[in-house]
Amino acid sequence: MDITEEERVERKRCRWTAYALQNHLIPVDQDEPESSTVVALCGLIGIPVDAPVRDGSLPKCAWCAYAELDGTVETEG
């Protein structure tokens, strides 16, 4: 499945981060220190300073993982 340049521009850029015993995808544009909350693609709400990085020992959230697999998002890191 090839993704056109137009589709690539429309995809959200996200990064994996650990919240609630799973890794979730957080849109990169929410990575602002002054923000009081961030919302993962699956709807989970978290505090930015709680877990700033991915934890390799935790599983991926199924909803977020599917968004990555179907090409809806572009992950960094």
Foldseek 3Di string as FASTA:
>chain_A
DDDDPVLVVQAFEWEWKDDPQAIFTWGPVVQDQVDQWTATPVGDIDGCVPIVHHDPVGYHDPVRVVCVVVVNHHYDD
